Protein backbone atom coordinates (compact mmCIF):
# COMPACT_ATOMS: atom_id res chain seq x y z
CA MET A 1 8.70 -13.10 20.95
CA LEU A 2 8.74 -15.22 24.11
CA HIS A 3 5.81 -17.39 25.05
CA ARG A 4 7.15 -19.15 28.14
CA TYR A 5 8.83 -17.31 30.96
CA PRO A 6 10.77 -18.39 34.05
CA LYS A 7 8.75 -19.00 37.19
CA ARG A 8 10.17 -15.87 38.77
CA VAL A 9 8.17 -13.81 36.26
CA ALA A 10 4.90 -15.22 37.58
CA ILE A 11 6.09 -14.84 41.17
CA ILE A 12 7.11 -11.20 40.72
CA MET A 13 3.90 -10.30 38.88
CA LEU A 14 1.75 -12.03 41.52
CA VAL A 15 3.58 -10.19 44.30
CA LEU A 16 3.08 -6.86 42.53
CA LEU A 17 -0.59 -7.70 41.94
CA ALA A 18 -1.03 -8.51 45.63
CA ILE A 19 0.60 -5.22 46.66
CA VAL A 20 -1.57 -3.17 44.31
CA ALA A 21 -4.78 -5.09 45.05
CA THR A 22 -4.41 -4.72 48.82
CA PHE A 23 -3.50 -1.02 48.74
CA PRO A 24 -6.98 0.07 49.91
CA LEU A 25 -6.34 -2.01 53.04
CA TRP A 26 -2.88 -0.84 54.04
CA GLY A 27 -2.66 2.46 52.14
CA PRO A 28 -4.59 4.66 54.61
CA THR A 29 -2.43 3.43 57.48
CA LEU A 30 0.83 4.15 55.70
CA PHE A 31 -0.05 7.30 53.73
CA GLY A 32 -2.91 8.78 55.72
CA SER A 33 -4.90 11.43 53.87
CA GLN A 34 -2.72 10.99 50.77
CA SER A 35 -4.05 7.47 50.23
CA ASP A 36 -7.09 8.73 48.28
CA PHE A 37 -4.85 10.55 45.82
CA ILE A 38 -2.57 7.52 45.46
CA LEU A 39 -5.58 5.26 44.88
CA GLU A 40 -6.73 7.57 42.08
CA LYS A 41 -3.26 7.41 40.52
CA LEU A 42 -3.18 3.63 40.86
CA THR A 43 -6.53 3.42 39.11
CA LEU A 44 -5.18 5.51 36.23
CA MET A 45 -2.08 3.29 36.02
CA VAL A 46 -4.25 0.19 35.82
CA ILE A 47 -6.33 1.72 33.01
CA LEU A 48 -3.24 2.79 31.07
CA ALA A 49 -1.74 -0.67 31.59
CA LEU A 50 -4.75 -2.18 29.82
CA PHE A 51 -4.34 0.39 27.04
CA ALA A 52 -0.62 -0.37 26.64
CA MET A 53 -1.26 -4.11 26.73
CA SER A 54 -3.70 -3.78 23.84
CA LEU A 55 -1.07 -2.00 21.74
CA ASP A 56 1.49 -4.69 22.53
CA LEU A 57 -0.60 -7.16 20.55
CA LEU A 58 0.18 -5.08 17.46
CA VAL A 59 3.67 -3.78 18.14
CA GLY A 60 5.23 -6.60 20.13
CA VAL A 61 3.42 -9.67 18.84
CA ILE A 62 2.96 -8.87 15.14
CA GLY A 63 5.49 -6.08 14.66
CA LEU A 64 3.06 -3.40 13.44
CA VAL A 65 3.90 -0.04 15.02
CA SER A 66 0.80 2.15 15.25
CA LEU A 67 0.71 5.87 15.97
CA GLY A 68 -3.08 6.00 15.82
CA HIS A 69 -4.01 3.62 18.61
CA ALA A 70 -5.52 6.48 20.60
CA LEU A 71 -8.30 6.45 18.01
CA PHE A 72 -9.85 3.45 19.77
CA PHE A 73 -9.04 4.72 23.26
CA GLY A 74 -10.88 7.96 22.59
CA LEU A 75 -13.64 6.17 20.71
CA GLY A 76 -14.41 4.12 23.81
CA ALA A 77 -14.55 7.28 25.91
CA TYR A 78 -16.85 9.11 23.48
CA THR A 79 -19.12 6.11 23.02
CA LEU A 80 -19.73 6.07 26.76
CA ALA A 81 -20.20 9.84 26.94
CA LEU A 82 -22.60 10.12 24.00
CA ALA A 83 -24.62 7.00 24.81
CA SER A 84 -25.10 7.76 28.51
CA PRO A 85 -28.41 9.31 29.62
CA GLU A 86 -28.11 12.93 30.69
CA PHE A 87 -29.96 12.63 34.00
CA ASP A 88 -29.48 8.97 34.87
CA ALA A 89 -26.78 6.33 35.06
CA ALA A 90 -26.39 3.93 32.17
CA SER A 91 -26.17 0.21 32.82
CA LEU A 92 -22.69 -1.23 32.48
CA TRP A 93 -24.31 -4.50 31.38
CA TRP A 94 -25.17 -2.98 28.00
CA MET A 95 -22.69 -0.10 27.89
CA LEU A 96 -19.65 -2.38 27.90
CA PRO A 97 -20.89 -4.53 24.97
CA LEU A 98 -21.85 -1.34 23.09
CA VAL A 99 -18.36 0.12 23.48
CA MET A 100 -16.79 -3.14 22.36
CA LEU A 101 -19.13 -3.38 19.35
CA VAL A 102 -18.48 0.19 18.19
CA ALA A 103 -14.74 -0.31 18.57
CA ALA A 104 -14.84 -3.63 16.73
CA VAL A 105 -16.68 -2.09 13.76
CA ALA A 106 -14.32 0.89 13.66
CA ALA A 107 -11.25 -1.34 13.92
CA LEU A 108 -12.59 -3.58 11.17
CA VAL A 109 -13.12 -0.65 8.81
CA VAL A 110 -9.76 0.96 9.57
CA GLY A 111 -8.00 -2.40 9.57
CA LEU A 112 -9.27 -3.31 6.12
CA LEU A 113 -7.67 -0.13 4.80
CA VAL A 114 -4.35 -0.16 6.66
CA ILE A 115 -3.52 -3.81 7.22
CA ARG A 116 -1.99 -4.21 3.76
CA THR A 117 0.66 -1.62 4.54
CA LYS A 118 3.88 -2.19 6.44
CA GLY A 119 6.59 -0.26 8.20
CA ILE A 120 6.48 3.50 7.88
CA PHE A 121 3.39 3.30 5.67
CA PHE A 122 1.44 1.51 8.42
CA ILE A 123 2.63 4.08 10.94
CA MET A 124 1.53 7.00 8.78
CA THR A 125 -1.84 5.54 7.77
CA THR A 126 -2.81 4.75 11.36
CA LEU A 127 -1.66 8.22 12.38
CA ALA A 128 -3.75 9.73 9.58
CA PHE A 129 -6.91 7.90 10.65
CA GLY A 130 -6.37 8.89 14.26
CA GLN A 131 -5.92 12.55 13.39
CA MET A 132 -8.94 12.49 11.09
CA LEU A 133 -11.17 11.38 13.94
CA TYR A 134 -9.46 13.84 16.27
CA TYR A 135 -10.32 16.82 14.05
CA LEU A 136 -13.79 15.49 13.34
CA ILE A 137 -14.60 15.24 17.05
CA SER A 138 -12.92 18.57 17.82
CA THR A 139 -15.19 20.41 15.39
CA ALA A 140 -18.41 18.42 15.84
CA PRO A 141 -21.10 20.25 17.87
CA PHE A 142 -22.68 16.99 19.04
CA ALA A 143 -19.33 15.97 20.59
CA GLY A 144 -18.85 19.23 22.47
CA GLY A 145 -16.01 20.48 20.28
CA THR A 146 -12.70 21.04 22.03
CA ASP A 147 -14.43 21.03 25.43
CA GLY A 148 -15.55 17.43 25.07
CA VAL A 149 -18.57 15.78 26.67
CA PHE A 150 -19.18 15.48 30.39
CA ILE A 151 -20.52 12.30 31.97
CA MET A 152 -22.77 13.20 34.87
CA PHE A 153 -23.23 9.68 36.22
CA ARG A 154 -21.00 6.63 36.13
CA PRO A 155 -22.60 3.49 34.71
CA SER A 156 -24.27 1.28 37.28
CA VAL A 157 -23.99 -2.45 37.87
CA THR A 158 -27.35 -3.67 39.13
CA ALA A 159 -29.50 -6.78 39.27
CA GLY A 160 -33.12 -5.67 39.33
CA GLU A 161 -33.40 -3.12 42.10
CA SER A 162 -30.21 -4.27 43.83
CA VAL A 163 -26.92 -2.46 43.30
CA LEU A 164 -24.18 -5.03 42.80
CA LEU A 165 -21.29 -2.59 42.45
CA ASP A 166 -21.27 1.02 43.61
CA LEU A 167 -18.89 2.47 41.03
CA ASP A 168 -19.08 5.91 42.64
CA ASN A 169 -16.98 4.38 45.41
CA PRO A 170 -13.30 4.87 44.43
CA GLN A 171 -12.28 1.51 45.88
CA THR A 172 -15.02 -0.37 44.04
CA PHE A 173 -14.15 1.35 40.78
CA PHE A 174 -10.47 0.56 41.36
CA TYR A 175 -11.23 -3.13 41.73
CA LEU A 176 -13.39 -3.05 38.61
CA CYS A 177 -10.48 -1.62 36.60
CA LEU A 178 -8.06 -4.09 38.16
CA GLY A 179 -10.39 -6.95 37.27
CA MET A 180 -10.57 -5.71 33.68
CA LEU A 181 -6.77 -5.59 33.53
CA VAL A 182 -6.37 -9.12 34.89
CA ALA A 183 -9.03 -10.43 32.51
CA GLY A 184 -7.34 -8.69 29.57
CA PHE A 185 -3.95 -10.09 30.54
CA LEU A 186 -5.24 -13.65 30.89
CA PHE A 187 -7.02 -13.38 27.55
CA LEU A 188 -3.96 -12.07 25.71
CA ARG A 189 -1.72 -14.61 27.44
CA TRP A 190 -4.00 -17.40 26.26
CA LEU A 191 -4.28 -15.88 22.79
CA THR A 192 -0.53 -15.56 22.23
CA ARG A 193 0.06 -19.16 23.33
CA SER A 194 -2.72 -20.54 21.13
CA TYR A 195 -2.44 -21.66 17.52
CA PHE A 196 -3.61 -18.20 16.48
CA GLY A 197 -0.81 -16.64 18.49
CA GLN A 198 1.77 -18.95 16.95
CA VAL A 199 0.69 -17.79 13.50
CA LEU A 200 1.05 -14.17 14.62
CA ASP A 201 4.50 -15.01 15.92
CA GLY A 202 5.39 -16.48 12.54
CA ILE A 203 4.11 -13.36 10.79
CA HIS A 204 6.31 -11.25 13.03
CA ASP A 205 9.39 -13.32 12.17
CA ASN A 206 8.81 -13.81 8.43
CA GLU A 207 5.48 -12.95 6.85
CA HIS A 208 6.54 -14.03 3.36
CA ARG A 209 7.39 -17.50 4.62
CA MET A 210 4.00 -17.78 6.33
CA GLN A 211 2.32 -16.77 3.08
CA ALA A 212 4.34 -19.38 1.21
CA LEU A 213 3.09 -21.98 3.69
CA GLY A 214 -0.48 -21.09 2.76
CA TYR A 215 -1.50 -18.79 5.61
CA ALA A 216 -3.74 -15.82 4.83
CA THR A 217 -1.65 -13.45 6.91
CA GLY A 218 -3.86 -10.45 6.18
CA GLY A 219 -6.83 -12.10 7.88
CA TYR A 220 -4.82 -12.96 10.98
CA LYS A 221 -3.47 -9.43 11.23
CA LEU A 222 -6.95 -7.99 10.77
CA VAL A 223 -8.39 -10.09 13.60
CA ALA A 224 -5.52 -9.06 15.87
CA PHE A 225 -6.07 -5.42 14.89
CA VAL A 226 -9.75 -5.66 15.86
CA ILE A 227 -8.97 -7.34 19.19
CA SER A 228 -6.37 -4.68 19.96
CA GLY A 229 -8.83 -1.90 19.15
CA VAL A 230 -11.57 -3.39 21.33
CA LEU A 231 -9.27 -3.67 24.36
CA ALA A 232 -8.09 -0.09 23.85
CA ALA A 233 -11.72 1.10 23.71
CA VAL A 234 -12.50 -0.64 27.00
CA ALA A 235 -9.55 1.20 28.55
CA GLY A 236 -10.87 4.47 27.12
CA MET A 237 -14.30 3.81 28.57
CA LEU A 238 -12.77 3.23 32.01
CA ALA A 239 -10.74 6.45 31.69
CA ALA A 240 -13.91 8.40 30.87
CA MET A 241 -15.65 6.82 33.84
CA GLN A 242 -12.84 7.84 36.16
CA TYR A 243 -12.64 11.50 35.16
CA GLY A 244 -16.23 12.03 34.09
CA PHE A 245 -15.64 13.36 30.58
CA ALA A 246 -14.47 12.50 27.09
CA ASN A 247 -12.03 14.94 25.49
CA PRO A 248 -10.48 15.18 22.00
CA ALA A 249 -7.05 14.92 23.62
CA GLN A 250 -7.80 11.26 24.26
CA LEU A 251 -7.82 10.77 20.48
CA GLY A 252 -4.66 12.74 19.70
CA TRP A 253 -1.36 11.45 18.39
CA HIS A 254 0.42 12.41 21.61
CA THR A 255 -1.74 9.90 23.49
CA SER A 256 -0.64 7.25 20.99
CA GLY A 257 2.96 8.36 21.52
CA GLU A 258 2.68 8.12 25.29
CA VAL A 259 1.37 4.56 25.23
CA LEU A 260 4.15 3.63 22.80
CA MET A 261 6.68 4.98 25.30
CA MET A 262 5.11 2.77 27.95
CA LEU A 263 5.79 -0.21 25.72
CA ILE A 264 9.41 0.84 25.29
CA LEU A 265 9.89 1.19 29.04
CA GLY A 266 8.15 -2.05 29.92
CA GLY A 267 9.25 -4.32 27.12
CA MET A 268 7.46 -5.22 23.91
CA GLY A 269 6.12 -8.63 23.00
CA THR A 270 5.84 -9.83 26.59
CA ILE A 271 2.21 -8.94 27.47
CA PHE A 272 3.23 -8.24 31.08
CA GLY A 273 5.90 -5.70 30.10
CA PRO A 274 3.38 -3.00 29.13
CA ILE A 275 1.87 -3.25 32.60
CA LEU A 276 5.23 -2.50 34.17
CA GLY A 277 5.85 0.21 31.60
CA ALA A 278 2.56 1.98 32.32
CA PHE A 279 3.27 2.05 36.06
CA ALA A 280 6.87 3.18 35.51
CA TYR A 281 5.86 5.90 33.05
CA GLU A 282 3.22 7.39 35.35
CA ILE A 283 5.56 7.33 38.34
CA LEU A 284 8.32 9.03 36.35
CA LEU A 285 5.83 11.54 34.98
CA TYR A 286 4.68 12.47 38.48
CA VAL A 287 8.26 12.86 39.72
CA TYR A 288 9.47 14.85 36.72
CA GLU A 289 6.46 17.19 36.75
CA HIS A 290 7.27 18.13 40.34
CA LEU A 291 10.96 18.64 39.59
CA THR A 292 10.79 21.10 36.70
CA VAL A 293 8.49 22.66 34.16
CA HIS A 294 10.80 21.21 31.52
CA TRP A 295 9.86 17.66 32.47
CA PRO A 296 9.41 16.56 28.81
CA ILE A 297 13.19 16.85 28.41
CA LEU A 298 13.76 14.50 31.34
CA MET A 299 11.17 12.07 30.02
CA GLY A 300 12.74 12.14 26.58
CA LEU A 301 16.19 11.43 28.02
CA THR A 302 14.73 8.57 30.02
CA ILE A 303 13.18 6.99 26.93
CA ILE A 304 16.46 7.37 25.01
CA ALA A 305 18.36 5.75 27.89
CA ALA A 306 15.83 2.92 28.02
CA VAL A 307 16.28 2.23 24.31
CA LEU A 308 20.08 2.23 24.56
CA VAL A 309 20.56 0.45 27.88
CA LEU A 310 17.45 -1.74 28.18
CA PRO A 311 16.46 -2.79 24.67
CA ARG A 312 14.09 -5.37 26.15
CA GLY A 313 12.65 -2.98 28.72
CA ILE A 314 11.95 -3.67 32.37
CA ALA A 315 10.55 -7.05 31.43
CA GLY A 316 13.96 -8.02 30.06
CA LEU A 317 15.49 -7.58 33.51
CA ILE A 318 13.02 -10.10 34.90
CA ILE A 319 13.24 -12.60 32.05
CA ALA A 320 17.07 -12.55 31.88
CA PRO A 321 18.66 -15.69 33.45
CA PRO A 322 20.37 -15.21 36.85
CA GLY A 323 24.00 -14.27 36.58
CA LYS A 324 23.62 -12.56 33.19
CA ALA A 325 23.50 -8.80 33.38
CA GLU A 326 20.73 -7.51 31.15
CA LEU A 327 22.58 -4.25 30.81
CA MET A 328 25.41 -5.90 28.92
CA LYS A 329 22.94 -7.31 26.40
CA SER A 330 22.71 -3.84 24.96
CA PRO A 331 24.74 -3.66 21.73
CA TRP A 332 25.41 0.00 22.52
CA LEU A 333 27.05 -0.81 25.86
CA ARG A 334 28.93 -3.75 24.40
CA ARG A 335 30.49 -1.43 21.86
CA LEU A 336 31.51 0.98 24.60
CA GLY A 337 33.07 -1.76 26.70
CA ARG A 338 34.74 -3.71 23.91
CA ASN A 339 38.53 -3.83 24.06
CA ARG A 340 39.71 -2.51 20.76
CA PRO A 341 43.15 -3.36 19.37
CA PRO A 342 45.54 -0.43 19.12
CA ALA A 343 45.32 1.39 15.86
CA ASP A 344 48.07 0.62 13.38
CA ILE A 345 50.45 3.53 13.03
CA PRO A 346 51.19 4.12 9.37
CA VAL A 347 54.87 3.86 8.58
CA LYS A 348 56.41 6.07 5.96
CA PRO A 349 57.76 3.89 3.19
CA ALA A 350 61.54 3.82 2.89
CA VAL A 351 63.04 5.99 0.21
CA PRO A 352 65.20 3.93 -2.14
CA ASN A 353 68.88 4.78 -2.03
CA LYS A 354 69.82 6.54 -5.26
CA GLU A 355 73.55 6.74 -4.54
CA GLY A 356 75.79 4.75 -6.75
């Protein structure tokens, strides 16, 4: 895991942030009536970037691959939907802490049960918990069953009688999501560079050695698991606010699989890589869906190519020193391009002369 990056990483990310943040200003001029649709897509990308970034704390920083991370994403969406008044807008001032609290408790309970497992066992236990909640919500009458729960009003941000943020305005809601993403990134960046993050880095490299040094690795992993779940729930809440409903699909394993593919595309263990991966995945998804009904095949081939050619993801292309082609860092490509010595041709042993 890398903690310090070249300056060009910060420059590129700041340029991309400036382009995205100023889209409401230049988008209508360049795209006309399509700018509203693009702004909606950008908002979704920002939300998914926060979701992917939360998973990177587990997968990239600690090395725990989870296939049940959608549990917390969907839990955030359903907490908002079920706690919101039916005929009035809830206050974001108390809704956001409520979502974070519910997610923290759920992550603590699940984490206590799964954090002792590793490898395939951790993958399967997180998947099992995610699917358990998925089927529970799908069959629960209070949660609307397979139809989900509709949210009639977005939460409000007020101070007394004054409205501070009109979240029904797409631009205002976009900036709220972007602010959440930036805040989440800065928090995780600080966390991974802190003493706590160094311990997580050591656990990723060699957990047994960290235990031998006296570190209670289970406690550190549990705290990271809770933080990851809380950030995922915030992303789920924002997704429910954008589309106005919470649906069991947000809890399903395929949602966990999609966010894992975003990590693969963007680059794991970098914090900023998942942001790039979320944007790249959604752009590819939009293009492939308009090319063919068999777009999952194209997406699958893209993920396979990313694993083989870009083992460090898009982030690896940015982090790689100038003059060194990131493509050739792939062991797969190195094997293809390696000059192999000619195979030795077996020679038939000479038959001893029996004459004389």
